[in-house]
Each structure stands twice: as structure tokens, then as C-alpha cells.
Protein backbone atom coordinates (compact mmCIF):
# COMPACT_ATOMS: atom_id res chain seq x y z
CA MET A 1 6.11 -22.57 11.15
CA LEU A 2 2.42 -23.49 11.28
CA LEU A 3 0.62 -22.98 14.56
CA PRO A 4 -1.73 -25.77 15.80
CA VAL A 5 -5.30 -25.45 14.64
CA ASP A 6 -7.87 -25.14 17.42
CA VAL A 7 -11.43 -25.70 16.17
CA THR A 8 -13.07 -25.03 19.52
CA ALA A 9 -16.22 -23.04 18.78
CA GLY A 10 -15.83 -20.72 21.74
CA GLY A 11 -12.27 -19.90 20.75
CA VAL A 12 -13.33 -19.02 17.20
CA VAL A 13 -16.20 -16.85 18.34
CA SER A 14 -14.06 -15.01 20.88
CA ALA A 15 -11.26 -14.46 18.40
CA LEU A 16 -13.68 -13.26 15.74
CA GLY A 17 -15.37 -10.91 18.15
CA LEU A 18 -12.06 -9.39 19.25
CA SER A 19 -10.93 -9.13 15.64
CA CYS A 20 -14.07 -7.18 14.74
CA GLY A 21 -13.46 -5.04 17.82
CA LEU A 22 -9.97 -4.19 16.64
CA ALA A 23 -11.33 -3.34 13.18
CA ALA A 24 -14.03 -1.09 14.77
CA LEU A 25 -11.38 0.61 16.93
CA TYR A 26 -9.33 1.38 13.84
CA LEU A 27 -12.31 2.81 11.98
CA VAL A 28 -13.45 4.94 14.93
CA SER A 29 -9.93 6.34 15.28
CA LEU A 30 -10.16 7.82 11.77
CA TYR A 31 -13.05 10.05 12.85
CA ALA A 32 -12.05 10.60 16.49
CA LEU A 33 -10.35 13.93 15.98
CA PRO A 34 -12.13 17.08 14.60
CA GLN A 35 -11.57 17.37 10.87
CA PRO A 36 -13.07 18.86 7.71
CA SER A 37 -15.58 16.74 5.80
CA ASN A 38 -13.16 16.56 2.84
CA ARG A 39 -10.83 13.61 3.65
CA ASN A 40 -8.15 15.11 1.36
CA HIS A 41 -7.97 18.38 3.26
CA PRO A 42 -4.55 18.69 4.99
CA ARG A 43 -6.11 18.92 8.46
CA ALA A 44 -8.23 15.85 7.79
CA VAL A 45 -5.23 13.91 6.58
CA ILE A 46 -3.23 14.82 9.70
CA ALA A 47 -6.12 14.00 12.04
CA ARG A 48 -6.65 10.58 10.45
CA CYS A 49 -2.95 9.75 10.53
CA ILE A 50 -2.78 10.58 14.23
CA GLY A 51 -5.92 8.57 14.99
CA ALA A 52 -4.86 5.53 13.00
CA SER A 53 -1.41 5.59 14.62
CA ALA A 54 -2.96 5.70 18.10
CA ALA A 55 -5.26 2.79 17.33
CA THR A 56 -2.39 0.80 15.92
CA ILE A 57 -0.29 1.30 19.06
CA ALA A 58 -3.25 0.27 21.22
CA SER A 59 -4.17 -2.86 19.23
CA PRO A 60 -1.24 -5.14 20.18
CA LEU A 61 -1.56 -4.00 23.80
CA ALA A 62 -5.11 -5.40 23.82
CA LEU A 63 -3.82 -8.87 22.96
CA PRO A 64 -1.81 -10.11 25.95
CA ALA A 65 -2.95 -13.68 25.39
CA ALA A 66 -1.76 -13.58 21.80
CA THR A 67 1.81 -12.47 22.51
CA GLY A 68 3.26 -15.82 21.48
CA VAL A 69 1.29 -15.83 18.25
CA LEU A 70 2.30 -12.28 17.45
CA ASP A 71 5.93 -13.22 17.98
CA ALA A 72 5.58 -16.26 15.75
CA ILE A 73 4.04 -14.29 12.91
CA TRP A 74 5.71 -10.92 12.75
CA LEU A 75 8.39 -10.68 15.41
CA THR A 76 10.07 -13.87 14.29
CA ASN A 77 13.82 -14.23 14.48
CA ALA A 78 13.86 -17.23 12.12
CA PRO A 79 17.31 -17.73 10.58
CA ALA A 80 17.97 -16.41 7.09
CA THR A 81 20.31 -17.88 4.50
CA PRO A 82 24.05 -17.55 5.20
CA ALA A 83 24.47 -15.12 2.28
CA ALA A 84 21.77 -12.82 3.62
CA SER A 85 23.13 -13.01 7.14
CA SER A 86 26.60 -12.00 6.04
CA LEU A 87 25.15 -9.02 4.19
CA MET A 88 23.36 -7.86 7.32
CA ALA A 89 26.51 -8.00 9.46
CA GLY A 90 25.52 -11.07 11.42
CA SER A 91 22.02 -9.99 12.43
CA PRO A 92 19.72 -12.94 11.58
CA TRP A 93 16.57 -11.09 12.67
CA LEU A 94 17.27 -8.11 10.41
CA ALA A 95 18.53 -10.39 7.65
CA HIS A 96 15.35 -12.45 7.74
CA HIS A 97 13.04 -9.45 7.44
CA THR A 98 15.19 -7.75 4.83
CA GLN A 99 15.27 -10.87 2.70
CA ALA A 100 11.53 -11.40 3.10
CA THR A 101 10.82 -7.77 2.21
CA LEU A 102 12.91 -7.93 -0.94
CA ARG A 103 11.27 -11.19 -2.03
CA GLY A 104 7.82 -9.70 -1.45
CA LEU A 105 8.67 -6.59 -3.48
CA VAL A 106 9.97 -8.70 -6.34
CA LEU A 107 6.77 -10.75 -6.30
CA PHE A 108 4.46 -7.75 -6.44
CA ALA A 109 6.68 -5.94 -8.94
CA LEU A 110 6.15 -8.97 -11.15
CA LEU A 111 2.39 -8.59 -10.76
CA PHE A 112 2.70 -4.93 -11.79
CA ALA A 113 5.00 -5.61 -14.75
CA GLY A 114 2.41 -4.16 -17.14
CA PRO A 115 1.72 -0.94 -15.19
CA LEU A 116 5.45 -0.46 -14.55
CA LEU A 117 6.29 -0.71 -18.26
CA GLN A 118 3.34 1.47 -19.13
CA ALA A 119 4.49 4.14 -16.65
CA ALA A 120 8.04 3.99 -17.94
CA LEU A 121 6.95 4.47 -21.55
CA ASP A 122 4.63 7.30 -20.58
CA SER A 123 7.43 8.97 -18.63
CA LEU A 124 9.78 8.81 -21.61
CA GLU A 125 7.10 10.28 -23.90
CA TYR A 126 6.36 13.04 -21.39
CA ARG A 127 10.05 13.94 -21.15
CA ARG A 128 10.33 14.13 -24.93
CA GLN A 129 7.29 16.41 -25.14
CA GLU A 130 8.50 18.54 -22.27
CA ALA A 131 11.88 18.95 -23.95
CA ARG A 132 10.14 20.12 -27.13
CA ARG A 133 7.96 22.59 -25.19
CA ALA A 134 11.00 23.91 -23.34
CA ALA A 135 12.79 24.48 -26.64
CA VAL A 136 9.79 26.42 -28.02
CA ARG A 137 9.55 28.53 -24.87
CA GLN A 138 13.24 29.32 -25.01
CA ALA A 139 12.97 30.32 -28.62
CA LEU A 140 10.05 32.62 -27.89
CA ARG A 141 11.86 34.07 -24.90
CA ASN A 142 14.96 34.82 -26.96
CA SER A 143 12.83 36.42 -29.68
CA HIS A 144 10.99 38.55 -27.13
CA ALA A 145 14.24 39.61 -25.47
CA HIS A 146 15.66 40.66 -28.84
CA HIS A 147 12.76 43.05 -29.55
CA ARG A 148 12.34 44.39 -26.00
CA HIS A 149 13.70 47.80 -24.96
CA PRO A 150 16.45 47.71 -22.33
CA GLY A 151 15.21 48.05 -18.76
CA THR A 152 11.69 46.75 -19.41
CA THR A 153 10.18 43.57 -18.08
CA ASP A 154 7.89 41.08 -19.65
CA GLY A 155 5.05 42.19 -17.32
CA THR A 156 4.49 38.81 -15.75
CA TYR A 157 4.09 38.22 -12.05
CA ASP A 158 3.84 34.93 -10.24
CA ASP A 159 0.67 35.27 -8.18
CA ASP A 160 0.17 31.49 -7.83
CA SER A 161 2.88 30.87 -5.23
CA ASP A 162 0.37 30.37 -2.38
CA ALA A 163 -1.71 27.89 -4.43
CA GLN A 164 1.44 26.06 -5.50
CA HIS A 165 2.59 25.79 -1.87
CA TYR A 166 -0.83 24.46 -0.84
CA ASP A 167 -0.73 21.84 -3.62
CA GLU A 168 2.77 20.74 -2.63
CA GLU A 169 1.75 20.45 1.03
CA SER A 170 -1.35 18.44 0.15
CA SER A 171 0.61 16.17 -2.15
CA SER A 172 3.18 15.47 0.58
CA LEU A 173 0.50 14.75 3.14
CA HIS A 174 -1.37 12.44 0.75
CA PHE A 175 1.82 10.53 0.12
CA LEU A 176 2.38 10.26 3.90
CA ARG A 177 -1.15 8.94 4.39
CA ASN A 178 -1.42 6.60 1.41
CA VAL A 179 2.13 5.23 1.12
CA VAL A 180 3.43 5.41 4.70
CA VAL A 181 0.84 5.60 7.47
CA ALA A 182 -1.98 3.58 5.90
CA PRO A 183 0.15 0.57 4.93
CA ILE A 184 1.95 0.42 8.28
CA THR A 185 -1.13 0.84 10.49
CA GLU A 186 -3.45 -1.35 8.40
CA GLU A 187 -0.93 -4.19 8.15
CA ILE A 188 -0.20 -4.19 11.88
CA VAL A 189 -3.90 -4.19 12.84
CA PHE A 190 -5.55 -6.22 10.05
CA ARG A 191 -2.70 -8.54 9.19
CA GLY A 192 -0.50 -8.79 12.26
CA CYS A 193 -3.00 -8.58 15.12
CA ILE A 194 -6.14 -10.04 13.56
CA THR A 195 -4.22 -12.88 11.91
CA ALA A 196 -2.55 -13.58 15.27
CA LEU A 197 -5.99 -13.93 16.83
CA MET A 198 -7.59 -16.09 14.15
CA LEU A 199 -4.78 -18.39 13.02
CA PRO A 200 -4.72 -20.63 16.13
CA HIS A 201 -8.41 -21.42 15.58
CA MET A 202 -8.47 -22.30 11.87
CA SER A 203 -6.39 -23.49 8.96
CA VAL A 204 -4.04 -21.18 7.09
CA ALA A 205 -6.29 -21.27 4.01
CA ALA A 206 -9.38 -20.29 6.03
CA CYS A 207 -7.41 -17.53 7.74
CA ASN A 208 -6.30 -16.21 4.37
CA LEU A 209 -9.94 -15.91 3.33
CA LEU A 210 -11.65 -14.65 6.48
CA CYS A 211 -9.17 -12.06 7.80
CA PRO A 212 -8.90 -10.15 4.50
CA LEU A 213 -12.72 -10.11 4.33
CA ILE A 214 -12.74 -8.18 7.64
CA PHE A 215 -10.23 -5.78 6.07
CA GLY A 216 -12.42 -5.37 3.00
CA ILE A 217 -15.66 -4.86 4.94
CA ALA A 218 -13.92 -2.21 7.03
CA HIS A 219 -13.72 -0.02 3.91
CA PHE A 220 -17.53 0.32 3.91
CA HIS A 221 -17.09 3.35 6.16
CA HIS A 222 -16.56 5.31 2.92
CA VAL A 223 -20.36 5.18 2.51
CA LEU A 224 -20.53 7.68 5.38
CA ARG A 225 -18.77 10.21 3.13
CA GLY A 226 -21.38 9.81 0.42
CA VAL A 227 -19.40 7.46 -1.77
CA PRO A 228 -21.85 5.34 -3.84
CA VAL A 229 -22.42 1.83 -2.60
CA SER A 230 -21.42 0.46 -5.99
CA VAL A 231 -18.00 2.09 -5.74
CA VAL A 232 -17.51 0.89 -2.16
CA SER A 233 -18.52 -2.61 -3.25
CA VAL A 234 -15.75 -2.61 -5.83
CA GLN A 235 -13.38 -1.42 -3.11
CA LEU A 236 -14.54 -4.31 -0.93
CA VAL A 237 -13.61 -6.82 -3.65
CA TYR A 238 -10.14 -5.53 -4.51
CA THR A 239 -9.18 -4.75 -0.91
CA SER A 240 -10.23 -8.26 0.14
CA VAL A 241 -8.22 -9.79 -2.73
CA PHE A 242 -5.19 -7.67 -1.86
CA GLY A 243 -5.61 -8.50 1.82
CA SER A 244 -5.56 -12.20 1.00
CA LEU A 245 -2.37 -11.83 -1.01
CA SER A 246 -0.75 -9.73 1.70
CA SER A 247 -1.78 -12.25 4.37
CA LEU A 248 -0.36 -15.08 2.26
CA LEU A 249 2.93 -13.18 1.87
CA MET A 250 3.17 -12.60 5.62
CA LEU A 251 2.43 -16.20 6.54
CA ARG A 252 4.85 -17.62 3.99
CA THR A 253 7.70 -15.30 4.88
CA HIS A 254 6.88 -15.00 8.62
CA SER A 255 7.46 -11.29 8.24
CA LEU A 256 5.01 -8.44 8.70
CA ALA A 257 7.63 -6.11 7.23
CA ALA A 258 7.29 -7.88 3.91
CA ALA A 259 3.52 -7.30 3.90
CA VAL A 260 3.99 -3.65 4.85
CA ALA A 261 6.47 -3.07 2.02
CA ALA A 262 4.21 -4.77 -0.51
CA HIS A 263 1.27 -2.67 0.68
CA MET A 264 3.32 0.50 0.31
CA PHE A 265 4.34 -0.51 -3.20
CA CYS A 266 0.78 -1.32 -4.27
CA ASN A 267 -0.63 1.92 -2.83
CA HIS A 268 2.04 3.90 -4.63
CA MET A 269 1.25 2.17 -7.93
CA GLY A 270 -2.54 2.45 -7.54
CA LEU A 271 -5.06 0.54 -9.65
CA PRO A 272 -3.80 -0.40 -13.14
CA ASP A 273 -4.91 1.93 -15.97
CA PHE A 274 -6.47 -0.75 -18.17
CA GLU A 275 -8.12 1.81 -20.46
CA GLY A 276 -4.78 3.56 -20.96
CA ALA A 277 -3.15 0.21 -21.72
CA LEU A 278 -5.78 -0.64 -24.34
CA ASN A 279 -5.29 2.73 -26.04
CA HIS A 280 -1.54 2.93 -25.62
CA ARG A 281 0.62 3.64 -28.67
CA HIS A 282 2.67 0.55 -27.69
CA ARG A 283 -0.43 -1.48 -26.85
CA THR A 284 0.90 -4.89 -27.87
CA LEU A 285 4.00 -4.48 -25.76
CA VAL A 286 2.15 -3.13 -22.75
CA LEU A 287 -0.62 -5.74 -22.84
CA GLY A 288 2.01 -8.44 -23.22
CA ALA A 289 3.66 -7.17 -20.04
CA TYR A 290 0.28 -7.27 -18.27
CA VAL A 291 -0.20 -10.90 -19.23
CA PHE A 292 3.38 -11.84 -18.44
CA GLY A 293 3.17 -10.23 -14.99
CA LEU A 294 -0.10 -11.91 -14.06
CA VAL A 295 0.97 -15.37 -15.28
CA GLY A 296 4.37 -15.00 -13.62
CA PHE A 297 2.80 -13.85 -10.35
CA VAL A 298 0.40 -16.80 -10.20
CA ALA A 299 3.18 -19.23 -11.14
CA ALA A 300 5.46 -17.82 -8.47
CA LEU A 301 2.77 -18.27 -5.85
CA CYS A 302 1.85 -21.81 -6.96
CA PHE A 303 5.40 -23.08 -7.24
CA HIS A 304 6.83 -21.10 -4.29
CA SER A 305 9.60 -19.84 -6.59
CA ILE A 306 9.82 -16.41 -4.85
CA VAL A 307 7.94 -16.78 -1.53
């Protein structure tokens, strides 16, 4: 469903101003609570997750005039296919979003065909090496036990338990921030709410270009943490490109859930390791998967074969 395009200048300016206000609210929320300067410190992660969640809850409440647009974009109850509806026990709303989410994940998994194959091959190699190391350790342990007097110990003591617990806690919190909280909050604010504001005033194509640019520019706050401008500029480019793809997915499927799931998947995958692919022992196979995934992704978008 395409909403009517309103090219009234005042409407565009007002919508753009409110969109920038929502983006600013989200950024301010990240620093609203006291936190260490290191963004990866557990207390900083928790503070930012709480702040971002609060801003996300407040954002739709600030858009009473856009309720109909919000409903049209990401609270849609558009009917799904009969097969999907039967699988979801007769719930067309849930069936629609489930189907859209699965289609979005398939689309982005195709884009990451190269990194997925690369990770699978690396995992197999790691397991083989780990099995060999375990066999060597077991052999040394058996040899040591054979020559040790009864009642003695090997003299080792695990004094790294606190450090290990800290690392596990940090890893869990980073996963919560990067793969759960960030995708949900960013998609609701930057895709759901801002797109709902801008779409009635411009074409879908223009909306797909402008709204993600706001999302990309919002990442310039990393400069405040001392990140070089060159690095932040690269972040601006790839976050804007991803935002455009995520926006396109949401508008084609009429499901914010699909965009959230795709964002979660991409954050979990991270940026492709191109250097590792070029130096991989199965380089031809891995690079072929990279090319296949990119070509297949573009073809799927152009021919609407998946979304």
C-alpha cells in the first residue's frame, strides 16, 4: 500500500524537523544516564540500553498525527498467503509479520552468503585444530599422571575465575546491546517513526534515500568519544546504505518486524572480513560465494523474487 504523496513545502519542513528531533532525542538518551567513558564497560552498556529504550517508547507517543501512517507501515494487519495463515493458526497479523520476517532473513542471508561460508569453513578448521590440541593435552596429562606420586597435585590453581566471569558478563551485555536493543530501538525510531513522518510528503524512492541519511548522520556522535572523523565517515556510508536497504525491506513487506530481524542478523554478522577472504585457504570457493551472494541479492531486489 503506497500512501499519497504530499509535496507541500510546509509539510516537508515540519516532518523533517520532527524527524531530526526524534534522532536528537535518541542520541541524547544514550548519554543521559551517568556512565564510564568506555562505551564497552558493562555499566555504560546498561545505561545506554536503558536510555535508548526510554527514547524509543517516547518517540511514537510524540507522533499523534502520524498514527494512521504508523499503522499502515508497521502495525499492518495485511492478509498473508493461505499457507502462511494456516501455519499461524488463523492469525493473519502474526502470519503476515512472520512471513515478512522470514523473507527478509532469507534476502540478507543471501547477501552474506560469502561471510556465512567463510565462517562455516573457519569453524570446521577451528574444531579440527581444537580436537588435535585436546588430544595432545590429554596425552601429556596421562604421561604426567603416570610419573606423579600418589596424593600429589599438579600445582595448578585457577586464579582467573573473576576475569573470566567479567569477560562473560561483558560479552553477554555486548550481545544484548548490539544484537537485541540496538536493532529494535533504532528500527522503531529511525525506520518506523521517521519513515512514518516523511513518507506522506515524498515518494518512496526519496524516502528510501533521505531517512537512512538521517540514520547515518546520527552516528557522528562517535566523534565525541574520540573516534577519528575518517572512521566515522566510513560508518556514515555503510550505515546509510544499510538503512536504505532496511527501509526498502520494511516498505515492501509492510512489516517493521522484518527490518528489525534483518538488522539483528546484520549486527550479529558484522562487517565482512574481506582480507580474510582474500587470504583464505579456500579462497576461490569463498570469493565465489561473495560474488554469488551479492549478485543474487541485487537480482532478488530488482525482480522482487523474495521481497
